[in-house]
Every structure is written in C-alpha cells, then in structure tokens.
Amino acid sequence: MKVTGTKCYVQIEDDAGNIARFDGEVYFRKFCALADSIQWIRHNGEATEHDRY
C-alpha cells in the first residue's frame, strides 16, 4: 500500500493498483479525511459500496 497526498487530499494505492483519493484537511500534524469525498482515480473491475470501507 502506498499513501501520498497534500494538505488538501490523501491518495491511497493498494497492492492491486487501485487508487482512491479522499478530500480533507490537515489539523495539528494529522489529516482528517471526509469519507464521502472518495474519488476513484483508478479501479480494476467494478467498484462496489464494499470497496469504500
């Protein structure tokens, strides 16, 4: 798993090559992501609701 991002979003790439991006903000050296803001940058196969968790 690879986690990258900026002060406005975090991007997560899993071992299968799927990439999801979450919007959020940095607070006191921590990142608070908004779960409803998920954007699939790349997803292999059909993305289901289960993939969000």
PDB file of N, CA and C in Angstrom:
ATOM      1  N   MET A   1       0.836  -1.160   0.000  1.00  0.00           N
ATOM      2  CA  MET A   1       0.000   0.000   0.000  1.00  0.00           C
ATOM      3  C   MET A   1       0.894   1.240   0.000  1.00  0.00           C
ATOM      4  N   LYS A   2       0.500   2.215  -0.801  1.00  0.00           N
ATOM      5  CA  LYS A   2       1.253   3.468  -0.911  1.00  0.00           C
ATOM      6  C   LYS A   2       0.298   4.622  -0.603  1.00  0.00           C
ATOM      7  N   VAL A   3       0.693   5.488   0.325  1.00  0.00           N
ATOM      8  CA  VAL A   3      -0.124   6.633   0.714  1.00  0.00           C
ATOM      9  C   VAL A   3       0.647   7.909   0.388  1.00  0.00           C
ATOM     10  N   THR A   4       0.033   8.785  -0.403  1.00  0.00           N
ATOM     11  CA  THR A   4       0.624  10.070  -0.752  1.00  0.00           C
ATOM     12  C   THR A   4      -0.449  11.137  -0.595  1.00  0.00           C
ATOM     13  N   GLY A   5      -0.069  12.387  -0.731  1.00  0.00           N
ATOM     14  CA  GLY A   5      -1.082  13.433  -0.667  1.00  0.00           C
ATOM     15  C   GLY A   5      -0.506  14.811  -0.454  1.00  0.00           C
ATOM     16  N   THR A   6      -1.414  15.744  -0.229  1.00  0.00           N
ATOM     17  CA  THR A   6      -1.087  17.130   0.040  1.00  0.00           C
ATOM     18  C   THR A   6      -1.855  17.554   1.279  1.00  0.00           C
ATOM     19  N   LYS A   7      -1.860  18.844   1.583  1.00  0.00           N
ATOM     20  CA  LYS A   7      -2.629  19.301   2.738  1.00  0.00           C
ATOM     21  C   LYS A   7      -4.130  19.305   2.444  1.00  0.00           C
ATOM     22  N   CYS A   8      -4.533  19.058   1.198  1.00  0.00           N
ATOM     23  CA  CYS A   8      -5.953  19.082   0.811  1.00  0.00           C
ATOM     24  C   CYS A   8      -6.538  17.710   0.478  1.00  0.00           C
ATOM     25  N   TYR A   9      -5.706  16.716   0.236  1.00  0.00           N
ATOM     26  CA  TYR A   9      -6.215  15.373  -0.068  1.00  0.00           C
ATOM     27  C   TYR A   9      -5.174  14.323   0.281  1.00  0.00           C
ATOM     28  N   VAL A  10      -5.649  13.085   0.419  1.00  0.00           N
ATOM     29  CA  VAL A  10      -4.758  11.939   0.593  1.00  0.00           C
ATOM     30  C   VAL A  10      -5.124  10.931  -0.499  1.00  0.00           C
ATOM     31  N   GLN A  11      -4.112  10.314  -1.079  1.00  0.00           N
ATOM     32  CA  GLN A  11      -4.305   9.350  -2.165  1.00  0.00           C
ATOM     33  C   GLN A  11      -3.721   8.016  -1.722  1.00  0.00           C
ATOM     34  N   ILE A  12      -4.517   6.950  -1.873  1.00  0.00           N
ATOM     35  CA  ILE A  12      -4.112   5.623  -1.414  1.00  0.00           C
ATOM     36  C   ILE A  12      -4.116   4.659  -2.591  1.00  0.00           C
ATOM     37  N   GLU A  13      -2.983   3.982  -2.786  1.00  0.00           N
ATOM     38  CA  GLU A  13      -2.869   2.960  -3.829  1.00  0.00           C
ATOM     39  C   GLU A  13      -2.654   1.617  -3.147  1.00  0.00           C
ATOM     40  N   ASP A  14      -3.517   0.631  -3.467  1.00  0.00           N
ATOM     41  CA  ASP A  14      -3.371  -0.689  -2.854  1.00  0.00           C
ATOM     42  C   ASP A  14      -2.497  -1.585  -3.721  1.00  0.00           C
ATOM     43  N   ASP A  15      -2.261  -2.811  -3.261  1.00  0.00           N
ATOM     44  CA  ASP A  15      -1.380  -3.745  -3.958  1.00  0.00           C
ATOM     45  C   ASP A  15      -1.929  -4.178  -5.314  1.00  0.00           C
ATOM     46  N   ALA A  16      -3.249  -4.038  -5.528  1.00  0.00           N
ATOM     47  CA  ALA A  16      -3.864  -4.415  -6.798  1.00  0.00           C
ATOM     48  C   ALA A  16      -3.815  -3.284  -7.825  1.00  0.00           C
ATOM     49  N   GLY A  17      -3.298  -2.113  -7.438  1.00  0.00           N
ATOM     50  CA  GLY A  17      -3.194  -0.990  -8.360  1.00  0.00           C
ATOM     51  C   GLY A  17      -4.375  -0.039  -8.319  1.00  0.00           C
ATOM     52  N   ASN A  18      -5.349  -0.267  -7.429  1.00  0.00           N
ATOM     53  CA  ASN A  18      -6.492   0.638  -7.289  1.00  0.00           C
ATOM     54  C   ASN A  18      -6.033   1.891  -6.551  1.00  0.00           C
ATOM     55  N   ILE A  19      -6.486   3.051  -7.019  1.00  0.00           N
ATOM     56  CA  ILE A  19      -6.110   4.316  -6.400  1.00  0.00           C
ATOM     57  C   ILE A  19      -7.377   5.083  -6.039  1.00  0.00           C
ATOM     58  N   ALA A  20      -7.479   5.459  -4.759  1.00  0.00           N
ATOM     59  CA  ALA A  20      -8.603   6.262  -4.272  1.00  0.00           C
ATOM     60  C   ALA A  20      -8.067   7.560  -3.700  1.00  0.00           C
ATOM     61  N   ARG A  21      -8.838   8.631  -3.857  1.00  0.00           N
ATOM     62  CA  ARG A  21      -8.454   9.939  -3.321  1.00  0.00           C
ATOM     63  C   ARG A  21      -9.568  10.442  -2.402  1.00  0.00           C
ATOM     64  N   PHE A  22      -9.157  10.934  -1.229  1.00  0.00           N
ATOM     65  CA  PHE A  22     -10.083  11.481  -0.245  1.00  0.00           C
ATOM     66  C   PHE A  22      -9.734  12.938   0.009  1.00  0.00           C
ATOM     67  N   ASP A  23     -10.737  13.817  -0.038  1.00  0.00           N
ATOM     68  CA  ASP A  23     -10.534  15.220   0.319  1.00  0.00           C
ATOM     69  C   ASP A  23     -10.505  15.341   1.832  1.00  0.00           C
ATOM     70  N   GLY A  24      -9.918  16.398   2.334  1.00  0.00           N
ATOM     71  CA  GLY A  24      -9.850  16.630   3.769  1.00  0.00           C
ATOM     72  C   GLY A  24      -8.926  17.788   4.078  1.00  0.00           C
ATOM     73  N   GLU A  25      -8.510  17.878   5.344  1.00  0.00           N
ATOM     74  CA  GLU A  25      -7.625  18.956   5.777  1.00  0.00           C
ATOM     75  C   GLU A  25      -6.649  18.447   6.820  1.00  0.00           C
ATOM     76  N   VAL A  26      -5.517  19.132   6.901  1.00  0.00           N
ATOM     77  CA  VAL A  26      -4.510  18.820   7.901  1.00  0.00           C
ATOM     78  C   VAL A  26      -4.835  19.613   9.171  1.00  0.00           C
ATOM     79  N   TYR A  27      -4.865  18.902  10.314  1.00  0.00           N
ATOM     80  CA  TYR A  27      -5.084  19.531  11.618  1.00  0.00           C
ATOM     81  C   TYR A  27      -4.005  19.056  12.568  1.00  0.00           C
ATOM     82  N   PHE A  28      -3.168  19.950  13.055  1.00  0.00           N
ATOM     83  CA  PHE A  28      -2.173  19.615  14.070  1.00  0.00           C
ATOM     84  C   PHE A  28      -1.380  18.361  13.727  1.00  0.00           C
ATOM     85  N   ARG A  29      -0.799  18.345  12.531  1.00  0.00           N
ATOM     86  CA  ARG A  29       0.027  17.236  12.033  1.00  0.00           C
ATOM     87  C   ARG A  29      -0.747  15.951  11.813  1.00  0.00           C
ATOM     88  N   LYS A  30      -2.064  16.014  11.705  1.00  0.00           N
ATOM     89  CA  LYS A  30      -2.903  14.857  11.378  1.00  0.00           C
ATOM     90  C   LYS A  30      -3.778  15.242  10.197  1.00  0.00           C
ATOM     91  N   PHE A  31      -4.190  14.245   9.418  1.00  0.00           N
ATOM     92  CA  PHE A  31      -5.060  14.501   8.272  1.00  0.00           C
ATOM     93  C   PHE A  31      -6.440  13.957   8.579  1.00  0.00           C
ATOM     94  N   CYS A  32      -7.455  14.788   8.452  1.00  0.00           N
ATOM     95  CA  CYS A  32      -8.846  14.379   8.651  1.00  0.00           C
ATOM     96  C   CYS A  32      -9.502  14.278   7.277  1.00  0.00           C
ATOM     97  N   ALA A  33      -9.796  13.048   6.850  1.00  0.00           N
ATOM     98  CA  ALA A  33     -10.389  12.812   5.531  1.00  0.00           C
ATOM     99  C   ALA A  33     -11.907  12.753   5.642  1.00  0.00           C
ATOM    100  N   LEU A  34     -12.571  13.201   4.599  1.00  0.00           N
ATOM    101  CA  LEU A  34     -14.019  13.112   4.502  1.00  0.00           C
ATOM    102  C   LEU A  34     -14.359  11.839   3.730  1.00  0.00           C
ATOM    103  N   ALA A  35     -14.965  10.860   4.395  1.00  0.00           N
ATOM    104  CA  ALA A  35     -15.232   9.556   3.779  1.00  0.00           C
ATOM    105  C   ALA A  35     -16.135   9.675   2.549  1.00  0.00           C
ATOM    106  N   ASP A  36     -17.067  10.618   2.556  1.00  0.00           N
ATOM    107  CA  ASP A  36     -17.984  10.775   1.426  1.00  0.00           C
ATOM    108  C   ASP A  36     -17.322  11.401   0.197  1.00  0.00           C
ATOM    109  N   SER A  37     -16.092  11.853   0.342  1.00  0.00           N
ATOM    110  CA  SER A  37     -15.429  12.541  -0.765  1.00  0.00           C
ATOM    111  C   SER A  37     -14.582  11.610  -1.622  1.00  0.00           C
ATOM    112  N   ILE A  38     -14.744  10.297  -1.492  1.00  0.00           N
ATOM    113  CA  ILE A  38     -13.898   9.353  -2.238  1.00  0.00           C
ATOM    114  C   ILE A  38     -14.067   9.547  -3.741  1.00  0.00           C
ATOM    115  N   GLN A  39     -12.939   9.551  -4.425  1.00  0.00           N
ATOM    116  CA  GLN A  39     -12.902   9.578  -5.888  1.00  0.00           C
ATOM    117  C   GLN A  39     -11.988   8.436  -6.321  1.00  0.00           C
ATOM    118  N   TRP A  40     -12.469   7.587  -7.208  1.00  0.00           N
ATOM    119  CA  TRP A  40     -11.605   6.530  -7.734  1.00  0.00           C
ATOM    120  C   TRP A  40     -10.794   7.120  -8.868  1.00  0.00           C
ATOM    121  N   ILE A  41      -9.487   7.160  -8.696  1.00  0.00           N
ATOM    122  CA  ILE A  41      -8.586   7.617  -9.744  1.00  0.00           C
ATOM    123  C   ILE A  41      -8.356   6.467 -10.726  1.00  0.00           C
ATOM    124  N   ARG A  42      -8.204   5.267 -10.168  1.00  0.00           N
ATOM    125  CA  ARG A  42      -8.079   4.055 -10.992  1.00  0.00           C
ATOM    126  C   ARG A  42      -8.631   2.901 -10.169  1.00  0.00           C
ATOM    127  N   HIS A  43      -9.502   2.075 -10.779  1.00  0.00           N
ATOM    128  CA  HIS A  43     -10.060   0.920 -10.089  1.00  0.00           C
ATOM    129  C   HIS A  43     -10.172  -0.224 -11.081  1.00  0.00           C
ATOM    130  N   ASN A  44      -9.616  -1.363 -10.708  1.00  0.00           N
ATOM    131  CA  ASN A  44      -9.707  -2.553 -11.553  1.00  0.00           C
ATOM    132  C   ASN A  44     -11.040  -3.237 -11.310  1.00  0.00           C
ATOM    133  N   GLY A  45     -11.836  -3.406 -12.349  1.00  0.00           N
ATOM    134  CA  GLY A  45     -13.145  -4.028 -12.208  1.00  0.00           C
ATOM    135  C   GLY A  45     -14.181  -3.023 -11.741  1.00  0.00           C
ATOM    136  N   GLU A  46     -15.348  -3.550 -11.354  1.00  0.00           N
ATOM    137  CA  GLU A  46     -16.453  -2.703 -10.911  1.00  0.00           C
ATOM    138  C   GLU A  46     -16.261  -2.309  -9.452  1.00  0.00           C
ATOM    139  N   ALA A  47     -16.366  -1.040  -9.164  1.00  0.00           N
ATOM    140  CA  ALA A  47     -16.256  -0.549  -7.784  1.00  0.00           C
ATOM    141  C   ALA A  47     -17.606  -0.704  -7.100  1.00  0.00           C
ATOM    142  N   THR A  48     -17.613  -1.333  -5.936  1.00  0.00           N
ATOM    143  CA  THR A  48     -18.848  -1.541  -5.187  1.00  0.00           C
ATOM    144  C   THR A  48     -18.833  -0.701  -3.913  1.00  0.00           C
ATOM    145  N   GLU A  49     -19.960  -0.647  -3.230  1.00  0.00           N
ATOM    146  CA  GLU A  49     -20.048   0.071  -1.964  1.00  0.00           C
ATOM    147  C   GLU A  49     -19.091  -0.543  -0.943  1.00  0.00           C
ATOM    148  N   HIS A  50     -18.882  -1.835  -1.007  1.00  0.00           N
ATOM    149  CA  HIS A  50     -17.950  -2.521  -0.086  1.00  0.00           C
ATOM    150  C   HIS A  50     -16.525  -2.002  -0.231  1.00  0.00           C
ATOM    151  N   ASP A  51     -16.143  -1.561  -1.416  1.00  0.00           N
ATOM    152  CA  ASP A  51     -14.791  -1.045  -1.661  1.00  0.00           C
ATOM    153  C   ASP A  51     -14.506   0.253  -0.919  1.00  0.00           C
ATOM    154  N   ARG A  52     -15.547   0.924  -0.441  1.00  0.00           N
ATOM    155  CA  ARG A  52     -15.355   2.183   0.280  1.00  0.00           C
ATOM    156  C   ARG A  52     -14.884   1.973   1.701  1.00  0.00           C
ATOM    157  N   TYR A  53     -14.997   0.762   2.224  1.00  0.00           N
ATOM    158  CA  TYR A  53     -14.683   0.516   3.642  1.00  0.00           C
ATOM    159  C   TYR A  53     -13.430  -0.309   3.802  1.00  0.00           C
TER     160      TYR A  53
END
